[in-house]
PDB file of N, CA and C in Angstrom:
ATOM      1  N   UNK A   1     125.364 124.530 107.734  1.00  0.00           N
ATOM      2  CA  UNK A   1     126.232 123.593 107.072  1.00  0.00           C
ATOM      3  C   UNK A   1     125.487 122.289 106.846  1.00  0.00           C
ATOM      4  N   UNK A   2     125.847 121.599 105.791  1.00  0.00           N
ATOM      5  CA  UNK A   2     125.260 120.301 105.491  1.00  0.00           C
ATOM      6  C   UNK A   2     126.378 119.294 105.282  1.00  0.00           C
ATOM      7  N   UNK A   3     126.179 118.097 105.819  1.00  0.00           N
ATOM      8  CA  UNK A   3     127.146 117.020 105.677  1.00  0.00           C
ATOM      9  C   UNK A   3     126.411 115.763 105.266  1.00  0.00           C
ATOM     10  N   UNK A   4     126.972 115.019 104.349  1.00  0.00           N
ATOM     11  CA  UNK A   4     126.441 113.712 104.012  1.00  0.00           C
ATOM     12  C   UNK A   4     127.460 112.687 104.496  1.00  0.00           C
ATOM     13  N   UNK A   5     127.025 111.821 105.383  1.00  0.00           N
ATOM     14  CA  UNK A   5     127.936 110.826 105.939  1.00  0.00           C
ATOM     15  C   UNK A   5     127.750 109.492 105.241  1.00  0.00           C
ATOM     16  N   UNK A   6     128.832 108.835 104.982  1.00  0.00           N
ATOM     17  CA  UNK A   6     128.836 107.504 104.394  1.00  0.00           C
ATOM     18  C   UNK A   6     129.072 106.481 105.503  1.00  0.00           C
ATOM     19  N   UNK A   7     128.867 105.226 105.166  1.00  0.00           N
ATOM     20  CA  UNK A   7     129.031 104.146 106.116  1.00  0.00           C
ATOM     21  C   UNK A   7     130.428 104.176 106.751  1.00  0.00           C
ATOM     22  N   UNK A   8     130.464 103.925 108.045  1.00  0.00           N
ATOM     23  CA  UNK A   8     131.708 103.840 108.820  1.00  0.00           C
ATOM     24  C   UNK A   8     132.500 105.138 108.851  1.00  0.00           C
ATOM     25  N   UNK A   9     131.827 106.266 108.750  1.00  0.00           N
ATOM     26  CA  UNK A   9     132.491 107.566 108.832  1.00  0.00           C
ATOM     27  C   UNK A   9     132.126 108.228 110.161  1.00  0.00           C
ATOM     28  N   UNK A  10     132.944 109.165 110.562  1.00  0.00           N
ATOM     29  CA  UNK A  10     132.770 109.843 111.835  1.00  0.00           C
ATOM     30  C   UNK A  10     132.697 111.345 111.602  1.00  0.00           C
ATOM     31  N   UNK A  11     131.760 111.995 112.256  1.00  0.00           N
ATOM     32  CA  UNK A  11     131.639 113.449 112.203  1.00  0.00           C
ATOM     33  C   UNK A  11     131.639 113.945 113.643  1.00  0.00           C
ATOM     34  N   UNK A  12     132.533 114.863 113.957  1.00  0.00           N
ATOM     35  CA  UNK A  12     132.616 115.430 115.295  1.00  0.00           C
ATOM     36  C   UNK A  12     132.100 116.862 115.219  1.00  0.00           C
ATOM     37  N   UNK A  13     131.114 117.168 116.064  1.00  0.00           N
ATOM     38  CA  UNK A  13     130.515 118.502 116.074  1.00  0.00           C
ATOM     39  C   UNK A  13     130.716 119.144 117.436  1.00  0.00           C
ATOM     40  N   UNK A  14     130.989 120.428 117.414  1.00  0.00           N
ATOM     41  CA  UNK A  14     131.051 121.236 118.629  1.00  0.00           C
ATOM     42  C   UNK A  14     130.298 122.517 118.340  1.00  0.00           C
ATOM     43  N   UNK A  15     129.641 123.028 119.356  1.00  0.00           N
ATOM     44  CA  UNK A  15     128.906 124.269 119.178  1.00  0.00           C
ATOM     45  C   UNK A  15     128.923 125.060 120.476  1.00  0.00           C
ATOM     46  N   UNK A  16     128.817 126.353 120.330  1.00  0.00           N
ATOM     47  CA  UNK A  16     128.798 127.203 121.512  1.00  0.00           C
ATOM     48  C   UNK A  16     127.424 127.173 122.173  1.00  0.00           C
ATOM     49  N   UNK A  17     126.352 127.197 121.355  1.00  0.00           N
ATOM     50  CA  UNK A  17     125.005 127.258 121.915  1.00  0.00           C
ATOM     51  C   UNK A  17     124.180 126.009 121.651  1.00  0.00           C
ATOM     52  N   UNK A  18     124.103 125.570 120.395  1.00  0.00           N
ATOM     53  CA  UNK A  18     123.251 124.421 120.097  1.00  0.00           C
ATOM     54  C   UNK A  18     123.665 123.749 118.789  1.00  0.00           C
ATOM     55  N   UNK A  19     123.229 122.502 118.646  1.00  0.00           N
ATOM     56  CA  UNK A  19     123.423 121.718 117.429  1.00  0.00           C
ATOM     57  C   UNK A  19     122.087 121.069 117.098  1.00  0.00           C
ATOM     58  N   UNK A  20     121.696 121.122 115.837  1.00  0.00           N
ATOM     59  CA  UNK A  20     120.499 120.447 115.368  1.00  0.00           C
ATOM     60  C   UNK A  20     120.915 119.541 114.216  1.00  0.00           C
ATOM     61  N   UNK A  21     120.500 118.261 114.288  1.00  0.00           N
ATOM     62  CA  UNK A  21     120.891 117.274 113.297  1.00  0.00           C
ATOM     63  C   UNK A  21     119.646 116.568 112.782  1.00  0.00           C
ATOM     64  N   UNK A  22     119.556 116.396 111.449  1.00  0.00           N
ATOM     65  CA  UNK A  22     118.461 115.631 110.863  1.00  0.00           C
ATOM     66  C   UNK A  22     119.029 114.350 110.263  1.00  0.00           C
ATOM     67  N   UNK A  23     118.250 113.265 110.356  1.00  0.00           N
ATOM     68  CA  UNK A  23     118.668 111.953 109.885  1.00  0.00           C
ATOM     69  C   UNK A  23     117.667 111.422 108.877  1.00  0.00           C
ATOM     70  N   UNK A  24     118.146 110.972 107.719  1.00  0.00           N
ATOM     71  CA  UNK A  24     117.245 110.321 106.779  1.00  0.00           C
ATOM     72  C   UNK A  24     116.956 108.898 107.243  1.00  0.00           C
ATOM     73  N   UNK A  25     117.860 108.304 108.020  1.00  0.00           N
ATOM     74  CA  UNK A  25     117.655 106.979 108.590  1.00  0.00           C
ATOM     75  C   UNK A  25     118.282 106.947 109.988  1.00  0.00           C
ATOM     76  N   UNK A  26     117.509 107.278 111.029  1.00  0.00           N
ATOM     77  CA  UNK A  26     118.073 107.351 112.379  1.00  0.00           C
ATOM     78  C   UNK A  26     118.515 105.997 112.929  1.00  0.00           C
ATOM     79  N   UNK A  27     118.067 104.900 112.309  1.00  0.00           N
ATOM     80  CA  UNK A  27     118.518 103.573 112.744  1.00  0.00           C
ATOM     81  C   UNK A  27     119.935 103.279 112.266  1.00  0.00           C
ATOM     82  N   UNK A  28     120.460 104.090 111.353  1.00  0.00           N
ATOM     83  CA  UNK A  28     121.792 103.851 110.800  1.00  0.00           C
ATOM     84  C   UNK A  28     122.838 104.805 111.371  1.00  0.00           C
ATOM     85  N   UNK A  29     122.447 105.662 112.308  1.00  0.00           N
ATOM     86  CA  UNK A  29     123.388 106.642 112.864  1.00  0.00           C
ATOM     87  C   UNK A  29     123.588 106.382 114.353  1.00  0.00           C
ATOM     88  N   UNK A  30     124.827 106.283 114.755  1.00  0.00           N
ATOM     89  CA  UNK A  30     125.168 106.091 116.155  1.00  0.00           C
ATOM     90  C   UNK A  30     125.716 107.397 116.707  1.00  0.00           C
ATOM     91  N   UNK A  31     125.208 107.792 117.864  1.00  0.00           N
ATOM     92  CA  UNK A  31     125.614 109.043 118.491  1.00  0.00           C
ATOM     93  C   UNK A  31     126.400 108.768 119.763  1.00  0.00           C
ATOM     94  N   UNK A  32     127.421 109.565 119.978  1.00  0.00           N
ATOM     95  CA  UNK A  32     128.172 109.506 121.228  1.00  0.00           C
ATOM     96  C   UNK A  32     128.231 110.913 121.793  1.00  0.00           C
ATOM     97  N   UNK A  33     127.881 111.036 123.046  1.00  0.00           N
ATOM     98  CA  UNK A  33     127.849 112.336 123.705  1.00  0.00           C
ATOM     99  C   UNK A  33     128.495 112.199 125.078  1.00  0.00           C
ATOM    100  N   UNK A  34     129.118 113.259 125.540  1.00  0.00           N
ATOM    101  CA  UNK A  34     129.729 113.243 126.874  1.00  0.00           C
ATOM    102  C   UNK A  34     128.692 112.993 127.963  1.00  0.00           C
ATOM    103  N   UNK A  35     127.481 113.474 127.757  1.00  0.00           N
ATOM    104  CA  UNK A  35     126.459 113.365 128.798  1.00  0.00           C
ATOM    105  C   UNK A  35     125.483 112.220 128.589  1.00  0.00           C
ATOM    106  N   UNK A  36     125.380 111.686 127.350  1.00  0.00           N
ATOM    107  CA  UNK A  36     124.368 110.666 127.069  1.00  0.00           C
ATOM    108  C   UNK A  36     124.941 109.305 126.692  1.00  0.00           C
ATOM    109  N   UNK A  37     126.239 109.177 126.578  1.00  0.00           N
ATOM    110  CA  UNK A  37     126.826 107.900 126.187  1.00  0.00           C
ATOM    111  C   UNK A  37     126.645 107.634 124.696  1.00  0.00           C
ATOM    112  N   UNK A  38     126.705 106.351 124.300  1.00  0.00           N
ATOM    113  CA  UNK A  38     126.588 105.957 122.896  1.00  0.00           C
ATOM    114  C   UNK A  38     125.294 105.196 122.677  1.00  0.00           C
ATOM    115  N   UNK A  39     124.561 105.564 121.630  1.00  0.00           N
ATOM    116  CA  UNK A  39     123.320 104.864 121.273  1.00  0.00           C
ATOM    117  C   UNK A  39     122.923 105.244 119.855  1.00  0.00           C
ATOM    118  N   UNK A  40     121.971 104.495 119.314  1.00  0.00           N
ATOM    119  CA  UNK A  40     121.437 104.826 117.999  1.00  0.00           C
ATOM    120  C   UNK A  40     120.633 106.119 118.091  1.00  0.00           C
ATOM    121  N   UNK A  41     120.644 106.883 117.020  1.00  0.00           N
ATOM    122  CA  UNK A  41     119.862 108.125 116.999  1.00  0.00           C
ATOM    123  C   UNK A  41     118.381 107.824 117.218  1.00  0.00           C
ATOM    124  N   UNK A  42     117.904 106.712 116.683  1.00  0.00           N
ATOM    125  CA  UNK A  42     116.486 106.364 116.820  1.00  0.00           C
ATOM    126  C   UNK A  42     116.099 106.056 118.262  1.00  0.00           C
ATOM    127  N   UNK A  43     117.075 105.750 119.121  1.00  0.00           N
ATOM    128  CA  UNK A  43     116.790 105.433 120.522  1.00  0.00           C
ATOM    129  C   UNK A  43     116.793 106.666 121.417  1.00  0.00           C
ATOM    130  N   UNK A  44     117.166 107.815 120.883  1.00  0.00           N
ATOM    131  CA  UNK A  44     117.214 109.033 121.688  1.00  0.00           C
ATOM    132  C   UNK A  44     115.797 109.488 122.010  1.00  0.00           C
ATOM    133  N   UNK A  45     115.525 109.747 123.262  1.00  0.00           N
ATOM    134  CA  UNK A  45     114.170 110.107 123.690  1.00  0.00           C
ATOM    135  C   UNK A  45     113.757 111.505 123.246  1.00  0.00           C
ATOM    136  N   UNK A  46     114.722 112.338 122.832  1.00  0.00           N
ATOM    137  CA  UNK A  46     114.374 113.691 122.394  1.00  0.00           C
ATOM    138  C   UNK A  46     114.188 113.774 120.873  1.00  0.00           C
ATOM    139  N   UNK A  47     114.238 112.639 120.171  1.00  0.00           N
ATOM    140  CA  UNK A  47     114.051 112.617 118.723  1.00  0.00           C
ATOM    141  C   UNK A  47     112.674 113.165 118.372  1.00  0.00           C
ATOM    142  N   UNK A  48     112.631 114.060 117.415  1.00  0.00           N
ATOM    143  CA  UNK A  48     111.386 114.715 117.023  1.00  0.00           C
ATOM    144  C   UNK A  48     111.274 114.687 115.500  1.00  0.00           C
ATOM    145  N   UNK A  49     110.071 114.593 114.979  1.00  0.00           N
ATOM    146  CA  UNK A  49     109.860 114.642 113.529  1.00  0.00           C
ATOM    147  C   UNK A  49     109.624 116.078 113.088  1.00  0.00           C
ATOM    148  N   UNK A  50     110.461 116.546 112.174  1.00  0.00           N
ATOM    149  CA  UNK A  50     110.306 117.873 111.585  1.00  0.00           C
ATOM    150  C   UNK A  50     110.309 117.666 110.080  1.00  0.00           C
ATOM    151  N   UNK A  51     109.264 118.090 109.415  1.00  0.00           N
ATOM    152  CA  UNK A  51     109.097 117.870 107.978  1.00  0.00           C
ATOM    153  C   UNK A  51     109.209 116.383 107.664  1.00  0.00           C
ATOM    154  N   UNK A  52     108.654 115.542 108.519  1.00  0.00           N
ATOM    155  CA  UNK A  52     108.671 114.092 108.362  1.00  0.00           C
ATOM    156  C   UNK A  52     110.095 113.541 108.332  1.00  0.00           C
ATOM    157  N   UNK A  53     111.022 114.209 109.028  1.00  0.00           N
ATOM    158  CA  UNK A  53     112.418 113.789 109.101  1.00  0.00           C
ATOM    159  C   UNK A  53     112.844 113.766 110.563  1.00  0.00           C
ATOM    160  N   UNK A  54     113.504 112.679 110.968  1.00  0.00           N
ATOM    161  CA  UNK A  54     113.977 112.546 112.348  1.00  0.00           C
ATOM    162  C   UNK A  54     114.991 113.647 112.650  1.00  0.00           C
ATOM    163  N   UNK A  55     114.772 114.361 113.773  1.00  0.00           N
ATOM    164  CA  UNK A  55     115.593 115.520 114.113  1.00  0.00           C
ATOM    165  C   UNK A  55     115.950 115.490 115.592  1.00  0.00           C
ATOM    166  N   UNK A  56     117.224 115.774 115.891  1.00  0.00           N
ATOM    167  CA  UNK A  56     117.689 115.886 117.275  1.00  0.00           C
ATOM    168  C   UNK A  56     118.294 117.257 117.496  1.00  0.00           C
ATOM    169  N   UNK A  57     118.140 117.767 118.701  1.00  0.00           N
ATOM    170  CA  UNK A  57     118.750 119.036 119.061  1.00  0.00           C
ATOM    171  C   UNK A  57     119.468 118.922 120.381  1.00  0.00           C
ATOM    172  N   UNK A  58     120.596 119.568 120.493  1.00  0.00           N
ATOM    173  CA  UNK A  58     121.364 119.629 121.737  1.00  0.00           C
ATOM    174  C   UNK A  58     121.599 121.078 122.073  1.00  0.00           C
ATOM    175  N   UNK A  59     121.153 121.599 123.147  1.00  0.00           N
ATOM    176  CA  UNK A  59     120.274 120.964 124.113  1.00  0.00           C
ATOM    177  C   UNK A  59     118.885 120.763 123.508  1.00  0.00           C
ATOM    178  N   UNK A  60     118.071 119.964 124.159  1.00  0.00           N
ATOM    179  CA  UNK A  60     116.751 119.639 123.599  1.00  0.00           C
ATOM    180  C   UNK A  60     115.879 120.879 123.415  1.00  0.00           C
ATOM    181  N   UNK A  61     116.160 121.959 124.135  1.00  0.00           N
ATOM    182  CA  UNK A  61     115.410 123.206 123.965  1.00  0.00           C
ATOM    183  C   UNK A  61     115.625 123.805 122.572  1.00  0.00           C
ATOM    184  N   UNK A  62     116.689 123.393 121.883  1.00  0.00           N
ATOM    185  CA  UNK A  62     116.954 123.880 120.526  1.00  0.00           C
ATOM    186  C   UNK A  62     115.851 123.458 119.569  1.00  0.00           C
ATOM    187  N   UNK A  63     115.093 122.411 119.927  1.00  0.00           N
ATOM    188  CA  UNK A  63     114.010 121.939 119.063  1.00  0.00           C
ATOM    189  C   UNK A  63     112.766 122.808 119.157  1.00  0.00           C
ATOM    190  N   UNK A  64     112.702 123.699 120.135  1.00  0.00           N
ATOM    191  CA  UNK A  64     111.525 124.553 120.291  1.00  0.00           C
ATOM    192  C   UNK A  64     111.297 125.445 119.080  1.00  0.00           C
ATOM    193  N   UNK A  65     112.364 125.914 118.448  1.00  0.00           N
ATOM    194  CA  UNK A  65     112.232 126.792 117.280  1.00  0.00           C
ATOM    195  C   UNK A  65     112.704 126.103 116.003  1.00  0.00           C
ATOM    196  N   UNK A  66     112.668 124.780 115.998  1.00  0.00           N
ATOM    197  CA  UNK A  66     113.206 124.020 114.882  1.00  0.00           C
ATOM    198  C   UNK A  66     112.460 124.273 113.576  1.00  0.00           C
ATOM    199  N   UNK A  67     111.174 124.528 113.655  1.00  0.00           N
ATOM    200  CA  UNK A  67     110.408 124.801 112.438  1.00  0.00           C
ATOM    201  C   UNK A  67     110.953 125.993 111.680  1.00  0.00           C
ATOM    202  N   UNK A  68     111.445 126.978 112.397  1.00  0.00           N
ATOM    203  CA  UNK A  68     112.013 128.167 111.758  1.00  0.00           C
ATOM    204  C   UNK A  68     113.331 127.847 111.061  1.00  0.00           C
ATOM    205  N   UNK A  69     114.117 126.982 111.654  1.00  0.00           N
ATOM    206  CA  UNK A  69     115.437 126.664 111.097  1.00  0.00           C
ATOM    207  C   UNK A  69     115.323 125.952 109.765  1.00  0.00           C
ATOM    208  N   UNK A  70     114.428 124.967 109.666  1.00  0.00           N
ATOM    209  CA  UNK A  70     114.327 124.159 108.459  1.00  0.00           C
ATOM    210  C   UNK A  70     113.141 124.542 107.576  1.00  0.00           C
ATOM    211  N   UNK A  71     112.497 125.654 107.825  1.00  0.00           N
ATOM    212  CA  UNK A  71     111.299 126.010 107.060  1.00  0.00           C
ATOM    213  C   UNK A  71     111.581 126.224 105.581  1.00  0.00           C
ATOM    214  N   UNK A  72     112.773 126.695 105.216  1.00  0.00           N
ATOM    215  CA  UNK A  72     113.089 126.946 103.811  1.00  0.00           C
ATOM    216  C   UNK A  72     113.758 125.746 103.140  1.00  0.00           C
ATOM    217  N   UNK A  73     114.018 124.679 103.895  1.00  0.00           N
ATOM    218  CA  UNK A  73     114.712 123.510 103.353  1.00  0.00           C
ATOM    219  C   UNK A  73     113.724 122.443 102.911  1.00  0.00           C
ATOM    220  N   UNK A  74     114.126 121.670 101.896  1.00  0.00           N
ATOM    221  CA  UNK A  74     113.328 120.522 101.487  1.00  0.00           C
ATOM    222  C   UNK A  74     113.594 119.390 102.469  1.00  0.00           C
ATOM    223  N   UNK A  75     112.594 118.527 102.719  1.00  0.00           N
ATOM    224  CA  UNK A  75     112.832 117.392 103.613  1.00  0.00           C
ATOM    225  C   UNK A  75     113.902 116.464 103.039  1.00  0.00           C
ATOM    226  N   UNK A  76     114.612 115.777 103.914  1.00  0.00           N
ATOM    227  CA  UNK A  76     115.623 114.826 103.470  1.00  0.00           C
ATOM    228  C   UNK A  76     114.954 113.650 102.775  1.00  0.00           C
ATOM    229  N   UNK A  77     115.588 113.099 101.738  1.00  0.00           N
ATOM    230  CA  UNK A  77     115.032 111.907 101.104  1.00  0.00           C
ATOM    231  C   UNK A  77     115.176 110.717 102.052  1.00  0.00           C
ATOM    232  N   UNK A  78     114.235 109.808 101.988  1.00  0.00           N
ATOM    233  CA  UNK A  78     114.301 108.617 102.837  1.00  0.00           C
ATOM    234  C   UNK A  78     115.373 107.674 102.283  1.00  0.00           C
ATOM    235  N   UNK A  79     116.098 107.048 103.166  1.00  0.00           N
ATOM    236  CA  UNK A  79     117.094 106.072 102.754  1.00  0.00           C
ATOM    237  C   UNK A  79     116.673 104.705 103.274  1.00  0.00           C
ATOM    238  N   UNK A  80     116.988 103.660 102.517  1.00  0.00           N
ATOM    239  CA  UNK A  80     116.609 102.324 102.984  1.00  0.00           C
ATOM    240  C   UNK A  80     117.426 101.913 104.200  1.00  0.00           C
ATOM    241  N   UNK A  81     116.876 100.997 104.938  1.00  0.00           N
ATOM    242  CA  UNK A  81     117.588 100.467 106.093  1.00  0.00           C
ATOM    243  C   UNK A  81     118.810  99.698 105.606  1.00  0.00           C
ATOM    244  N   UNK A  82     119.838  99.694 106.395  1.00  0.00           N
ATOM    245  CA  UNK A  82     121.045  98.967 106.049  1.00  0.00           C
ATOM    246  C   UNK A  82     120.766  97.469 106.036  1.00  0.00           C
ATOM    247  N   UNK A  83     121.311  96.753 105.060  1.00  0.00           N
ATOM    248  CA  UNK A  83     121.075  95.304 105.032  1.00  0.00           C
ATOM    249  C   UNK A  83     121.746  94.617 106.215  1.00  0.00           C
ATOM    250  N   UNK A  84     121.130  93.560 106.692  1.00  0.00           N
ATOM    251  CA  UNK A  84     121.686  92.794 107.799  1.00  0.00           C
ATOM    252  C   UNK A  84     122.934  92.063 107.331  1.00  0.00           C
ATOM    253  N   UNK A  85     123.967  92.069 108.149  1.00  0.00           N
ATOM    254  CA  UNK A  85     125.184  91.345 107.802  1.00  0.00           C
ATOM    255  C   UNK A  85     125.225  90.055 108.610  1.00  0.00           C
ATOM    256  N   UNK A  86     125.507  88.939 107.951  1.00  0.00           N
ATOM    257  CA  UNK A  86     125.517  87.652 108.678  1.00  0.00           C
ATOM    258  C   UNK A  86     126.700  87.521 109.592  1.00  0.00           C
TER     259      UNK A  86
END
């Protein structure tokens, strides 16, 4: 499945075995997890680059075969950083 999130939107994911998420701008995505609390995607220590795109997997072992999952997909386009609000 693919989802495009807009500013101030929420996506809730549940999975039986694993979830893999790619971010075009990990500084613009905030993650909340029962086990890890709330933080920016870019601050997650398990963040990995796959096809030059920031990628997270839950559990982190899901990233071991990540190349196979996204091998047929084009990399995500880069998005600019969000402008600073005064």
